Amino acid sequence: MTSHTRVPKAEITGVYGAVLKKFSRKMFGVVPEPLGVMWNNRPVLTFSLSLGRKAGKWKTCDKNLKSYAHMAAASLIGCTFCLDFGYFHAHNEGLDVAKAREVPRWRESDVFTPLERDVMEYAEAMTRTPPTVTDELSARLLDRLGAPAMVELTAWIAVANQTARTNFALGIEAQGFSAACGLAPLARPGDVASRA
């Protein structure tokens, strides 16, 4: 895939770089493009990786819901890397891939439950500038998720926004992770093609 990043990728070097590349290839088959771009500022890269690892340990909110929320935020922002990687991640984590591929057109799709729809609406409401979160939507989610999971979901969406906005601003685009593992293409808004 041709790179069109707004900041050129740096050569990943040194012991830390070698470990990072080896770990990346083992997990993903390739070195994800954001690593090369972020290598230009290793403290920022280290912070981002640490934040992602720590957020990945949160277990109060359902993994599928967090996956849909992340992808809904990324779709609204336009981060194709996040959508591609999120779909790939859902596959590798054993999450509901048929639903994950429908996230970009969740409003038109009939595969989601009312709770899943509220989660994606919440993710979009948090992502808009200014945010459009309402008391009614928050109350519905709080009632169904409980306070601990609601706090986790909210923080998860905030982390998703940071990641998606960073990737979008730096020009980091889809890298073909989902295609590499044979997943059907992501649905697009208004897409009426049959589901995978």
C-alpha atoms as a PDB file:
ATOM      1  CA  MET A   1       0.000   0.000   0.000  1.00  0.00           C
ATOM      2  CA  THR A   2       1.431   3.397  -0.964  1.00  0.00           C
ATOM      3  CA  SER A   3       2.181   5.763   1.895  1.00  0.00           C
ATOM      4  CA  HIS A   4       0.834   9.316   1.746  1.00  0.00           C
ATOM      5  CA  THR A   5       1.533  10.389   5.307  1.00  0.00           C
ATOM      6  CA  ARG A   6       1.840  14.101   6.025  1.00  0.00           C
ATOM      7  CA  VAL A   7       4.879  13.426   8.203  1.00  0.00           C
ATOM      8  CA  PRO A   8       7.430  11.063   6.657  1.00  0.00           C
ATOM      9  CA  LYS A   9       8.092   7.756   8.376  1.00  0.00           C
ATOM     10  CA  ALA A  10      11.378   7.607  10.231  1.00  0.00           C
ATOM     11  CA  GLU A  11      13.638   4.583  10.146  1.00  0.00           C
ATOM     12  CA  ILE A  12      12.931   2.526  13.259  1.00  0.00           C
ATOM     13  CA  THR A  13      16.376   1.785  14.722  1.00  0.00           C
ATOM     14  CA  GLY A  14      18.156   0.656  17.866  1.00  0.00           C
ATOM     15  CA  VAL A  15      17.362  -2.075  20.353  1.00  0.00           C
ATOM     16  CA  TYR A  16      13.942  -0.649  21.243  1.00  0.00           C
ATOM     17  CA  GLY A  17      13.165  -0.300  17.545  1.00  0.00           C
ATOM     18  CA  ALA A  18      14.198  -3.881  16.816  1.00  0.00           C
ATOM     19  CA  VAL A  19      11.993  -5.178  19.635  1.00  0.00           C
ATOM     20  CA  LEU A  20       9.092  -3.024  18.462  1.00  0.00           C
ATOM     21  CA  LYS A  21       9.392  -4.238  14.868  1.00  0.00           C
ATOM     22  CA  LYS A  22       9.715  -7.898  15.915  1.00  0.00           C
ATOM     23  CA  PHE A  23       6.688  -7.639  18.205  1.00  0.00           C
ATOM     24  CA  SER A  24       4.681  -5.836  15.486  1.00  0.00           C
ATOM     25  CA  ARG A  25       5.483  -8.416  12.820  1.00  0.00           C
ATOM     26  CA  LYS A  26       4.583 -11.232  15.190  1.00  0.00           C
ATOM     27  CA  MET A  27       1.230  -9.656  16.084  1.00  0.00           C
ATOM     28  CA  PHE A  28       0.238  -8.096  12.756  1.00  0.00           C
ATOM     29  CA  GLY A  29       2.469  -9.584  10.064  1.00  0.00           C
ATOM     30  CA  VAL A  30       3.888  -6.136   9.261  1.00  0.00           C
ATOM     31  CA  VAL A  31       5.059  -3.012  11.048  1.00  0.00           C
ATOM     32  CA  PRO A  32       2.032  -0.692  11.256  1.00  0.00           C
ATOM     33  CA  GLU A  33       2.619   2.620   9.478  1.00  0.00           C
ATOM     34  CA  PRO A  34       1.834   4.763  12.554  1.00  0.00           C
ATOM     35  CA  LEU A  35       4.921   3.334  14.277  1.00  0.00           C
ATOM     36  CA  GLY A  36       7.224   4.740  11.601  1.00  0.00           C
ATOM     37  CA  VAL A  37       5.536   8.127  11.680  1.00  0.00           C
ATOM     38  CA  MET A  38       5.449   8.287  15.475  1.00  0.00           C
ATOM     39  CA  TRP A  39       9.109   7.141  15.651  1.00  0.00           C
ATOM     40  CA  ASN A  40       9.938  10.773  14.827  1.00  0.00           C
ATOM     41  CA  ASN A  41       9.077  11.528  18.476  1.00  0.00           C
ATOM     42  CA  ARG A  42       9.699   8.502  20.666  1.00  0.00           C
ATOM     43  CA  PRO A  43       8.306   9.981  23.909  1.00  0.00           C
ATOM     44  CA  VAL A  44       4.978  10.569  22.113  1.00  0.00           C
ATOM     45  CA  LEU A  45       5.101   7.054  20.642  1.00  0.00           C
ATOM     46  CA  THR A  46       5.869   5.529  24.046  1.00  0.00           C
ATOM     47  CA  PHE A  47       3.020   7.457  25.651  1.00  0.00           C
ATOM     48  CA  SER A  48       0.581   6.365  22.932  1.00  0.00           C
ATOM     49  CA  LEU A  49       1.593   2.709  23.161  1.00  0.00           C
ATOM     50  CA  SER A  50       1.421   2.774  26.963  1.00  0.00           C
ATOM     51  CA  LEU A  51      -2.016   4.391  26.912  1.00  0.00           C
ATOM     52  CA  GLY A  52      -3.272   1.780  24.452  1.00  0.00           C
ATOM     53  CA  ARG A  53      -1.871  -1.109  26.510  1.00  0.00           C
ATOM     54  CA  LYS A  54      -3.369   0.234  29.735  1.00  0.00           C
ATOM     55  CA  ALA A  55      -6.772   0.887  28.144  1.00  0.00           C
ATOM     56  CA  GLY A  56      -6.669  -2.634  26.689  1.00  0.00           C
ATOM     57  CA  LYS A  57      -6.640  -4.019  30.238  1.00  0.00           C
ATOM     58  CA  TRP A  58      -9.984  -2.424  31.128  1.00  0.00           C
ATOM     59  CA  LYS A  59     -12.536  -5.229  31.470  1.00  0.00           C
ATOM     60  CA  THR A  60     -15.724  -3.701  32.885  1.00  0.00           C
ATOM     61  CA  CYS A  61     -17.407  -2.797  29.588  1.00  0.00           C
ATOM     62  CA  ASP A  62     -18.196  -5.422  26.944  1.00  0.00           C
ATOM     63  CA  LYS A  63     -15.445  -5.781  24.309  1.00  0.00           C
ATOM     64  CA  ASN A  64     -17.903  -5.765  21.406  1.00  0.00           C
ATOM     65  CA  LEU A  65     -19.465  -2.518  22.604  1.00  0.00           C
ATOM     66  CA  LYS A  66     -16.048  -0.887  22.931  1.00  0.00           C
ATOM     67  CA  SER A  67     -15.074  -2.143  19.479  1.00  0.00           C
ATOM     68  CA  TYR A  68     -18.214  -0.656  17.897  1.00  0.00           C
ATOM     69  CA  ALA A  69     -17.714   2.608  19.804  1.00  0.00           C
ATOM     70  CA  HIS A  70     -14.113   2.938  18.649  1.00  0.00           C
ATOM     71  CA  MET A  71     -15.030   2.231  15.042  1.00  0.00           C
ATOM     72  CA  ALA A  72     -18.013   4.624  15.147  1.00  0.00           C
ATOM     73  CA  ALA A  73     -15.765   7.431  16.387  1.00  0.00           C
ATOM     74  CA  ALA A  74     -13.109   6.577  13.791  1.00  0.00           C
ATOM     75  CA  SER A  75     -15.719   6.499  11.026  1.00  0.00           C
ATOM     76  CA  LEU A  76     -17.019   9.943  11.959  1.00  0.00           C
ATOM     77  CA  ILE A  77     -13.466  11.330  12.085  1.00  0.00           C
ATOM     78  CA  GLY A  78     -12.522   9.583   8.838  1.00  0.00           C
ATOM     79  CA  CYS A  79      -9.613   7.510  10.174  1.00  0.00           C
ATOM     80  CA  THR A  80      -9.402   4.691   7.641  1.00  0.00           C
ATOM     81  CA  PHE A  81      -6.446   3.174   9.490  1.00  0.00           C
ATOM     82  CA  CYS A  82      -8.521   2.879  12.687  1.00  0.00           C
ATOM     83  CA  LEU A  83     -11.446   1.321  10.827  1.00  0.00           C
ATOM     84  CA  ASP A  84      -9.219  -1.167   9.017  1.00  0.00           C
ATOM     85  CA  PHE A  85      -7.301  -2.044  12.170  1.00  0.00           C
ATOM     86  CA  GLY A  86     -10.483  -2.150  14.294  1.00  0.00           C
ATOM     87  CA  TYR A  87     -12.092  -4.630  11.917  1.00  0.00           C
ATOM     88  CA  PHE A  88      -8.898  -6.743  11.893  1.00  0.00           C
ATOM     89  CA  HIS A  89      -8.722  -6.545  15.702  1.00  0.00           C
ATOM     90  CA  ALA A  90     -12.362  -7.634  16.051  1.00  0.00           C
ATOM     91  CA  HIS A  91     -11.556 -10.674  13.906  1.00  0.00           C
ATOM     92  CA  ASN A  92      -8.467 -11.568  15.934  1.00  0.00           C
ATOM     93  CA  GLU A  93     -10.267 -11.097  19.262  1.00  0.00           C
ATOM     94  CA  GLY A  94     -13.163 -13.347  18.226  1.00  0.00           C
ATOM     95  CA  LEU A  95     -15.654 -10.484  18.335  1.00  0.00           C
ATOM     96  CA  ASP A  96     -18.734 -10.224  16.112  1.00  0.00           C
ATOM     97  CA  VAL A  97     -17.110  -9.455  12.742  1.00  0.00           C
ATOM     98  CA  ALA A  98     -20.431  -9.327  10.858  1.00  0.00           C
ATOM     99  CA  LYS A  99     -21.496  -6.449  13.081  1.00  0.00           C
ATOM    100  CA  ALA A 100     -18.047  -4.811  13.118  1.00  0.00           C
ATOM    101  CA  ARG A 101     -18.057  -4.525   9.324  1.00  0.00           C
ATOM    102  CA  GLU A 102     -21.417  -2.734   9.490  1.00  0.00           C
ATOM    103  CA  VAL A 103     -20.319  -0.011  11.938  1.00  0.00           C
ATOM    104  CA  PRO A 104     -19.639   2.634   9.247  1.00  0.00           C
ATOM    105  CA  ARG A 105     -23.331   2.355   8.243  1.00  0.00           C
ATOM    106  CA  TRP A 106     -24.782   1.494  11.635  1.00  0.00           C
ATOM    107  CA  ARG A 107     -27.765   3.848  11.241  1.00  0.00           C
ATOM    108  CA  GLU A 108     -28.950   2.027   8.090  1.00  0.00           C
ATOM    109  CA  SER A 109     -28.002  -1.491   9.190  1.00  0.00           C
ATOM    110  CA  ASP A 110     -30.473  -3.813  10.897  1.00  0.00           C
ATOM    111  CA  VAL A 111     -27.875  -5.988  12.686  1.00  0.00           C
ATOM    112  CA  PHE A 112     -27.472  -3.923  15.857  1.00  0.00           C
ATOM    113  CA  THR A 113     -29.388  -4.076  19.134  1.00  0.00           C
ATOM    114  CA  PRO A 114     -30.829  -0.915  20.716  1.00  0.00           C
ATOM    115  CA  LEU A 115     -27.959  -0.906  23.250  1.00  0.00           C
ATOM    116  CA  GLU A 116     -25.340  -1.187  20.495  1.00  0.00           C
ATOM    117  CA  ARG A 117     -27.022   1.663  18.616  1.00  0.00           C
ATOM    118  CA  ASP A 118     -26.978   3.824  21.739  1.00  0.00           C
ATOM    119  CA  VAL A 119     -23.281   3.060  22.251  1.00  0.00           C
ATOM    120  CA  MET A 120     -22.446   4.147  18.686  1.00  0.00           C
ATOM    121  CA  GLU A 121     -24.644   7.218  18.992  1.00  0.00           C
ATOM    122  CA  TYR A 122     -22.816   8.082  22.209  1.00  0.00           C
ATOM    123  CA  ALA A 123     -19.432   7.603  20.514  1.00  0.00           C
ATOM    124  CA  GLU A 124     -20.459   9.937  17.699  1.00  0.00           C
ATOM    125  CA  ALA A 125     -21.922  12.470  20.125  1.00  0.00           C
ATOM    126  CA  MET A 126     -18.641  12.527  22.075  1.00  0.00           C
ATOM    127  CA  THR A 127     -16.656  12.834  18.837  1.00  0.00           C
ATOM    128  CA  ARG A 128     -18.517  15.818  17.388  1.00  0.00           C
ATOM    129  CA  THR A 129     -17.177  19.320  17.924  1.00  0.00           C
ATOM    130  CA  PRO A 130     -18.719  20.559  20.091  1.00  0.00           C
ATOM    131  CA  PRO A 131     -19.860  17.301  21.715  1.00  0.00           C
ATOM    132  CA  THR A 132     -23.598  16.600  21.480  1.00  0.00           C
ATOM    133  CA  VAL A 133     -24.038  14.091  24.331  1.00  0.00           C
ATOM    134  CA  THR A 134     -27.511  14.405  25.852  1.00  0.00           C
ATOM    135  CA  ASP A 135     -28.784  13.652  29.336  1.00  0.00           C
ATOM    136  CA  GLU A 136     -31.335  11.230  27.853  1.00  0.00           C
ATOM    137  CA  LEU A 137     -28.765   9.150  25.960  1.00  0.00           C
ATOM    138  CA  SER A 138     -26.424   9.114  28.960  1.00  0.00           C
ATOM    139  CA  ALA A 139     -29.249   8.021  31.263  1.00  0.00           C
ATOM    140  CA  ARG A 140     -30.219   5.138  28.944  1.00  0.00           C
ATOM    141  CA  LEU A 141     -26.635   3.909  28.806  1.00  0.00           C
ATOM    142  CA  LEU A 142     -26.080   4.345  32.533  1.00  0.00           C
ATOM    143  CA  ASP A 143     -29.239   2.357  33.242  1.00  0.00           C
ATOM    144  CA  ARG A 144     -28.149  -0.549  31.015  1.00  0.00           C
ATOM    145  CA  LEU A 145     -24.385  -0.525  31.591  1.00  0.00           C
ATOM    146  CA  GLY A 146     -23.993   0.678  35.168  1.00  0.00           C
ATOM    147  CA  ALA A 147     -21.635   3.404  36.348  1.00  0.00           C
ATOM    148  CA  PRO A 148     -18.304   1.489  36.116  1.00  0.00           C
ATOM    149  CA  ALA A 149     -18.891   0.368  32.513  1.00  0.00           C
ATOM    150  CA  MET A 150     -20.241   3.808  31.545  1.00  0.00           C
ATOM    151  CA  VAL A 151     -17.073   5.488  32.827  1.00  0.00           C
ATOM    152  CA  GLU A 152     -14.934   2.919  30.996  1.00  0.00           C
ATOM    153  CA  LEU A 153     -16.866   3.337  27.738  1.00  0.00           C
ATOM    154  CA  THR A 154     -16.520   7.111  27.945  1.00  0.00           C
ATOM    155  CA  ALA A 155     -12.767   6.941  28.555  1.00  0.00           C
ATOM    156  CA  TRP A 156     -12.436   4.325  25.779  1.00  0.00           C
ATOM    157  CA  ILE A 157     -14.128   6.656  23.297  1.00  0.00           C
ATOM    158  CA  ALA A 158     -11.858   9.504  24.405  1.00  0.00           C
ATOM    159  CA  VAL A 159      -8.784   7.329  23.719  1.00  0.00           C
ATOM    160  CA  ALA A 160     -10.288   6.334  20.353  1.00  0.00           C
ATOM    161  CA  ASN A 161     -10.694  10.012  19.505  1.00  0.00           C
ATOM    162  CA  GLN A 162      -7.066  10.727  20.356  1.00  0.00           C
ATOM    163  CA  THR A 163      -5.862   7.853  18.199  1.00  0.00           C
ATOM    164  CA  ALA A 164      -8.169   8.536  15.249  1.00  0.00           C
ATOM    165  CA  ARG A 165      -7.569  12.284  15.223  1.00  0.00           C
ATOM    166  CA  THR A 166      -3.796  11.788  15.441  1.00  0.00           C
ATOM    167  CA  ASN A 167      -3.777   9.270  12.580  1.00  0.00           C
ATOM    168  CA  PHE A 168      -6.072  11.399  10.434  1.00  0.00           C
ATOM    169  CA  ALA A 169      -4.045  14.585  10.987  1.00  0.00           C
ATOM    170  CA  LEU A 170      -0.786  12.788  10.206  1.00  0.00           C
ATOM    171  CA  GLY A 171      -2.270  11.305   7.013  1.00  0.00           C
ATOM    172  CA  ILE A 172      -2.044   7.696   8.170  1.00  0.00           C
ATOM    173  CA  GLU A 173      -4.458   5.614   6.099  1.00  0.00           C
ATOM    174  CA  ALA A 174      -5.725   2.018   5.976  1.00  0.00           C
ATOM    175  CA  GLN A 175      -2.923  -0.486   5.663  1.00  0.00           C
ATOM    176  CA  GLY A 176      -4.917  -3.513   4.507  1.00  0.00           C
ATOM    177  CA  PHE A 177      -4.990  -5.454   7.776  1.00  0.00           C
ATOM    178  CA  SER A 178      -8.565  -6.641   7.299  1.00  0.00           C
ATOM    179  CA  ALA A 179      -7.977  -7.666   3.678  1.00  0.00           C
ATOM    180  CA  ALA A 180      -4.858  -9.605   4.706  1.00  0.00           C
ATOM    181  CA  CYS A 181      -6.940 -11.914   6.882  1.00  0.00           C
ATOM    182  CA  GLY A 182      -9.644 -12.402   4.250  1.00  0.00           C
ATOM    183  CA  LEU A 183     -12.367 -10.211   5.754  1.00  0.00           C
ATOM    184  CA  ALA A 184     -15.049  -8.793   3.481  1.00  0.00           C
ATOM    185  CA  PRO A 185     -14.666  -5.044   2.817  1.00  0.00           C
ATOM    186  CA  LEU A 186     -16.145  -2.727   5.415  1.00  0.00           C
ATOM    187  CA  ALA A 187     -19.628  -1.518   4.652  1.00  0.00           C
ATOM    188  CA  ARG A 188     -19.966   2.149   3.737  1.00  0.00           C
ATOM    189  CA  PRO A 189     -22.758   4.554   4.648  1.00  0.00           C
ATOM    190  CA  GLY A 190     -25.647   4.019   2.265  1.00  0.00           C
ATOM    191  CA  ASP A 191     -24.191   0.649   1.167  1.00  0.00           C
ATOM    192  CA  VAL A 192     -26.924  -1.907   0.522  1.00  0.00           C
ATOM    193  CA  ALA A 193     -24.616  -4.789  -0.433  1.00  0.00           C
ATOM    194  CA  SER A 194     -25.177  -8.115   1.248  1.00  0.00           C
ATOM    195  CA  ARG A 195     -23.498  -8.623   4.597  1.00  0.00           C
ATOM    196  CA  ALA A 196     -20.571 -11.001   5.141  1.00  0.00           C
END
